[in-house]
């Protein structure tokens, strides 16, 4: 596995641990729909939360939060819509971004942006 893939997996592990410590119930990780994926799908106080995780070893070139582009929002919206239909979900939905900056061998910073964006298709 390439280093960036390993870093991404580690970042998702950190994000899941962080969310579980806050009491979120994790339903799925890396849920796939036609080459679109939802990094984390969770429940928080009766709300379905779709979490996009961005991991960077540093933010030398750009904030990791800025990696969620209009195209990515559209892709997440399509996948989330399919998820809701597939599992017959009847809850409010929220889209969050979790940014993990660091490396597995060092310290890391976790930033959580709730209601980061509104979905559209």
C-alpha atoms as a PDB file:
ATOM      1  CA  UNK A   1       0.000   0.000   0.000  1.00  0.00           C
ATOM      2  CA  UNK A   2       1.340   3.450  -0.908  1.00  0.00           C
ATOM      3  CA  UNK A   3       2.313   5.807   1.913  1.00  0.00           C
ATOM      4  CA  UNK A   4      -0.512   8.276   1.171  1.00  0.00           C
ATOM      5  CA  UNK A   5      -3.033   5.416   1.400  1.00  0.00           C
ATOM      6  CA  UNK A   6      -1.555   4.281   4.712  1.00  0.00           C
ATOM      7  CA  UNK A   7      -1.652   7.863   5.992  1.00  0.00           C
ATOM      8  CA  UNK A   8      -5.292   8.188   4.939  1.00  0.00           C
ATOM      9  CA  UNK A   9      -6.241   4.924   6.671  1.00  0.00           C
ATOM     10  CA  UNK A  10      -4.449   6.060   9.819  1.00  0.00           C
ATOM     11  CA  UNK A  11      -6.280   9.417   9.671  1.00  0.00           C
ATOM     12  CA  UNK A  12      -9.633   7.658   9.397  1.00  0.00           C
ATOM     13  CA  UNK A  13      -8.712   5.458  12.385  1.00  0.00           C
ATOM     14  CA  UNK A  14      -7.891   8.602  14.394  1.00  0.00           C
ATOM     15  CA  UNK A  15     -11.185  10.216  13.323  1.00  0.00           C
ATOM     16  CA  UNK A  16     -13.224   7.127  14.284  1.00  0.00           C
ATOM     17  CA  UNK A  17     -11.570   6.987  17.697  1.00  0.00           C
ATOM     18  CA  UNK A  18     -12.213  10.704  18.202  1.00  0.00           C
ATOM     19  CA  UNK A  19     -15.898  10.352  17.264  1.00  0.00           C
ATOM     20  CA  UNK A  20     -16.395   7.295  19.472  1.00  0.00           C
ATOM     21  CA  UNK A  21     -14.932   9.197  22.426  1.00  0.00           C
ATOM     22  CA  UNK A  22     -17.615  11.832  21.802  1.00  0.00           C
ATOM     23  CA  UNK A  23     -20.330   9.158  21.855  1.00  0.00           C
ATOM     24  CA  UNK A  24     -20.974   8.810  18.133  1.00  0.00           C
ATOM     25  CA  UNK A  25     -22.112   5.398  16.931  1.00  0.00           C
ATOM     26  CA  UNK A  26     -20.170   4.381  13.827  1.00  0.00           C
ATOM     27  CA  UNK A  27     -22.387   2.652  11.255  1.00  0.00           C
ATOM     28  CA  UNK A  28     -19.997   2.302   8.323  1.00  0.00           C
ATOM     29  CA  UNK A  29     -16.484   3.131   7.207  1.00  0.00           C
ATOM     30  CA  UNK A  30     -15.514   3.528   3.562  1.00  0.00           C
ATOM     31  CA  UNK A  31     -19.039   2.885   2.319  1.00  0.00           C
ATOM     32  CA  UNK A  32     -18.849   2.687  -1.471  1.00  0.00           C
ATOM     33  CA  UNK A  33     -21.388   3.639  -4.101  1.00  0.00           C
ATOM     34  CA  UNK A  34     -20.303   3.542  -7.763  1.00  0.00           C
ATOM     35  CA  UNK A  35     -16.741   4.760  -7.114  1.00  0.00           C
ATOM     36  CA  UNK A  36     -17.944   7.323  -4.591  1.00  0.00           C
ATOM     37  CA  UNK A  37     -17.222   6.678  -0.951  1.00  0.00           C
ATOM     38  CA  UNK A  38     -18.365   7.922   2.416  1.00  0.00           C
ATOM     39  CA  UNK A  39     -15.401   7.856   4.802  1.00  0.00           C
ATOM     40  CA  UNK A  40     -17.468   7.559   7.979  1.00  0.00           C
ATOM     41  CA  UNK A  41     -21.211   7.247   8.511  1.00  0.00           C
ATOM     42  CA  UNK A  42     -22.288   7.714  12.110  1.00  0.00           C
ATOM     43  CA  UNK A  43     -25.179   8.619  14.393  1.00  0.00           C
ATOM     44  CA  UNK A  44     -24.903  11.576  16.763  1.00  0.00           C
ATOM     45  CA  UNK A  45     -27.892  12.271  19.006  1.00  0.00           C
ATOM     46  CA  UNK A  46     -30.409  11.001  16.459  1.00  0.00           C
ATOM     47  CA  UNK A  47     -28.742  12.679  13.472  1.00  0.00           C
ATOM     48  CA  UNK A  48     -27.112  10.779  10.623  1.00  0.00           C
ATOM     49  CA  UNK A  49     -23.640  12.251  10.172  1.00  0.00           C
ATOM     50  CA  UNK A  50     -21.629  11.849   6.989  1.00  0.00           C
ATOM     51  CA  UNK A  51     -17.984  12.575   7.801  1.00  0.00           C
ATOM     52  CA  UNK A  52     -15.347  13.384   5.205  1.00  0.00           C
ATOM     53  CA  UNK A  53     -11.859  12.817   6.619  1.00  0.00           C
ATOM     54  CA  UNK A  54      -8.872  14.712   5.278  1.00  0.00           C
ATOM     55  CA  UNK A  55      -5.432  13.638   6.475  1.00  0.00           C
ATOM     56  CA  UNK A  56      -2.175  15.473   5.872  1.00  0.00           C
ATOM     57  CA  UNK A  57       1.248  14.996   7.401  1.00  0.00           C
ATOM     58  CA  UNK A  58       1.485  18.801   7.494  1.00  0.00           C
ATOM     59  CA  UNK A  59      -0.279  21.807   6.057  1.00  0.00           C
ATOM     60  CA  UNK A  60       2.749  23.299   4.383  1.00  0.00           C
ATOM     61  CA  UNK A  61       0.985  23.774   1.048  1.00  0.00           C
ATOM     62  CA  UNK A  62      -2.702  24.144   2.006  1.00  0.00           C
ATOM     63  CA  UNK A  63      -5.210  23.544   4.741  1.00  0.00           C
ATOM     64  CA  UNK A  64      -6.594  20.038   4.522  1.00  0.00           C
ATOM     65  CA  UNK A  65     -10.126  21.459   4.931  1.00  0.00           C
ATOM     66  CA  UNK A  66      -9.756  23.170   1.559  1.00  0.00           C
ATOM     67  CA  UNK A  67      -9.446  19.789  -0.163  1.00  0.00           C
ATOM     68  CA  UNK A  68     -13.239  19.397  -0.022  1.00  0.00           C
ATOM     69  CA  UNK A  69     -14.094  20.877  -3.407  1.00  0.00           C
ATOM     70  CA  UNK A  70     -17.440  21.517  -5.069  1.00  0.00           C
ATOM     71  CA  UNK A  71     -16.965  18.268  -7.010  1.00  0.00           C
ATOM     72  CA  UNK A  72     -16.313  16.386  -3.753  1.00  0.00           C
ATOM     73  CA  UNK A  73     -19.443  17.869  -2.150  1.00  0.00           C
ATOM     74  CA  UNK A  74     -21.467  16.746  -5.167  1.00  0.00           C
ATOM     75  CA  UNK A  75     -19.969  13.246  -4.972  1.00  0.00           C
ATOM     76  CA  UNK A  76     -20.657  13.013  -1.222  1.00  0.00           C
ATOM     77  CA  UNK A  77     -24.217  14.224  -1.784  1.00  0.00           C
ATOM     78  CA  UNK A  78     -24.874  11.521  -4.373  1.00  0.00           C
ATOM     79  CA  UNK A  79     -23.391   8.788  -2.180  1.00  0.00           C
ATOM     80  CA  UNK A  80     -25.264  10.018   0.913  1.00  0.00           C
ATOM     81  CA  UNK A  81     -28.532  10.023  -1.022  1.00  0.00           C
ATOM     82  CA  UNK A  82     -27.898   6.423  -2.104  1.00  0.00           C
ATOM     83  CA  UNK A  83     -27.014   5.459   1.487  1.00  0.00           C
ATOM     84  CA  UNK A  84     -30.239   6.962   2.863  1.00  0.00           C
ATOM     85  CA  UNK A  85     -32.296   5.145   0.236  1.00  0.00           C
ATOM     86  CA  UNK A  86     -30.429   1.851   0.654  1.00  0.00           C
ATOM     87  CA  UNK A  87     -30.902   1.741   4.435  1.00  0.00           C
ATOM     88  CA  UNK A  88     -34.261   3.526   4.518  1.00  0.00           C
ATOM     89  CA  UNK A  89     -32.934   6.229   6.856  1.00  0.00           C
ATOM     90  CA  UNK A  90     -35.446   8.715   8.197  1.00  0.00           C
ATOM     91  CA  UNK A  91     -33.226  11.041  10.241  1.00  0.00           C
ATOM     92  CA  UNK A  92     -31.858  14.531   9.913  1.00  0.00           C
ATOM     93  CA  UNK A  93     -28.538  14.466   8.057  1.00  0.00           C
ATOM     94  CA  UNK A  94     -25.423  16.490   8.722  1.00  0.00           C
ATOM     95  CA  UNK A  95     -22.183  16.700   6.741  1.00  0.00           C
ATOM     96  CA  UNK A  96     -18.995  17.155   8.780  1.00  0.00           C
ATOM     97  CA  UNK A  97     -15.307  17.385   7.944  1.00  0.00           C
ATOM     98  CA  UNK A  98     -12.619  16.018  10.214  1.00  0.00           C
ATOM     99  CA  UNK A  99      -9.081  17.088   9.495  1.00  0.00           C
ATOM    100  CA  UNK A 100      -6.202  15.058  10.914  1.00  0.00           C
ATOM    101  CA  UNK A 101      -2.781  16.674  10.613  1.00  0.00           C
ATOM    102  CA  UNK A 102       0.254  14.668  11.705  1.00  0.00           C
ATOM    103  CA  UNK A 103       1.788  11.248  11.313  1.00  0.00           C
ATOM    104  CA  UNK A 104       1.346   7.889  13.038  1.00  0.00           C
ATOM    105  CA  UNK A 105       4.761   8.175  14.697  1.00  0.00           C
ATOM    106  CA  UNK A 106       4.243  11.674  16.090  1.00  0.00           C
ATOM    107  CA  UNK A 107       1.637  13.970  17.525  1.00  0.00           C
ATOM    108  CA  UNK A 108      -1.460  14.878  15.596  1.00  0.00           C
ATOM    109  CA  UNK A 109      -4.124  17.551  15.549  1.00  0.00           C
ATOM    110  CA  UNK A 110      -7.805  16.779  14.989  1.00  0.00           C
ATOM    111  CA  UNK A 111     -10.192  19.498  13.832  1.00  0.00           C
ATOM    112  CA  UNK A 112     -13.900  18.810  13.547  1.00  0.00           C
ATOM    113  CA  UNK A 113     -16.150  21.070  11.507  1.00  0.00           C
ATOM    114  CA  UNK A 114     -19.817  20.258  12.064  1.00  0.00           C
ATOM    115  CA  UNK A 115     -22.337  21.209   9.379  1.00  0.00           C
ATOM    116  CA  UNK A 116     -19.418  21.917   7.070  1.00  0.00           C
ATOM    117  CA  UNK A 117     -21.542  22.135   3.948  1.00  0.00           C
ATOM    118  CA  UNK A 118     -25.011  21.585   2.543  1.00  0.00           C
ATOM    119  CA  UNK A 119     -25.533  18.725   0.103  1.00  0.00           C
ATOM    120  CA  UNK A 120     -26.582  19.173  -3.497  1.00  0.00           C
ATOM    121  CA  UNK A 121     -26.951  16.957  -6.512  1.00  0.00           C
END
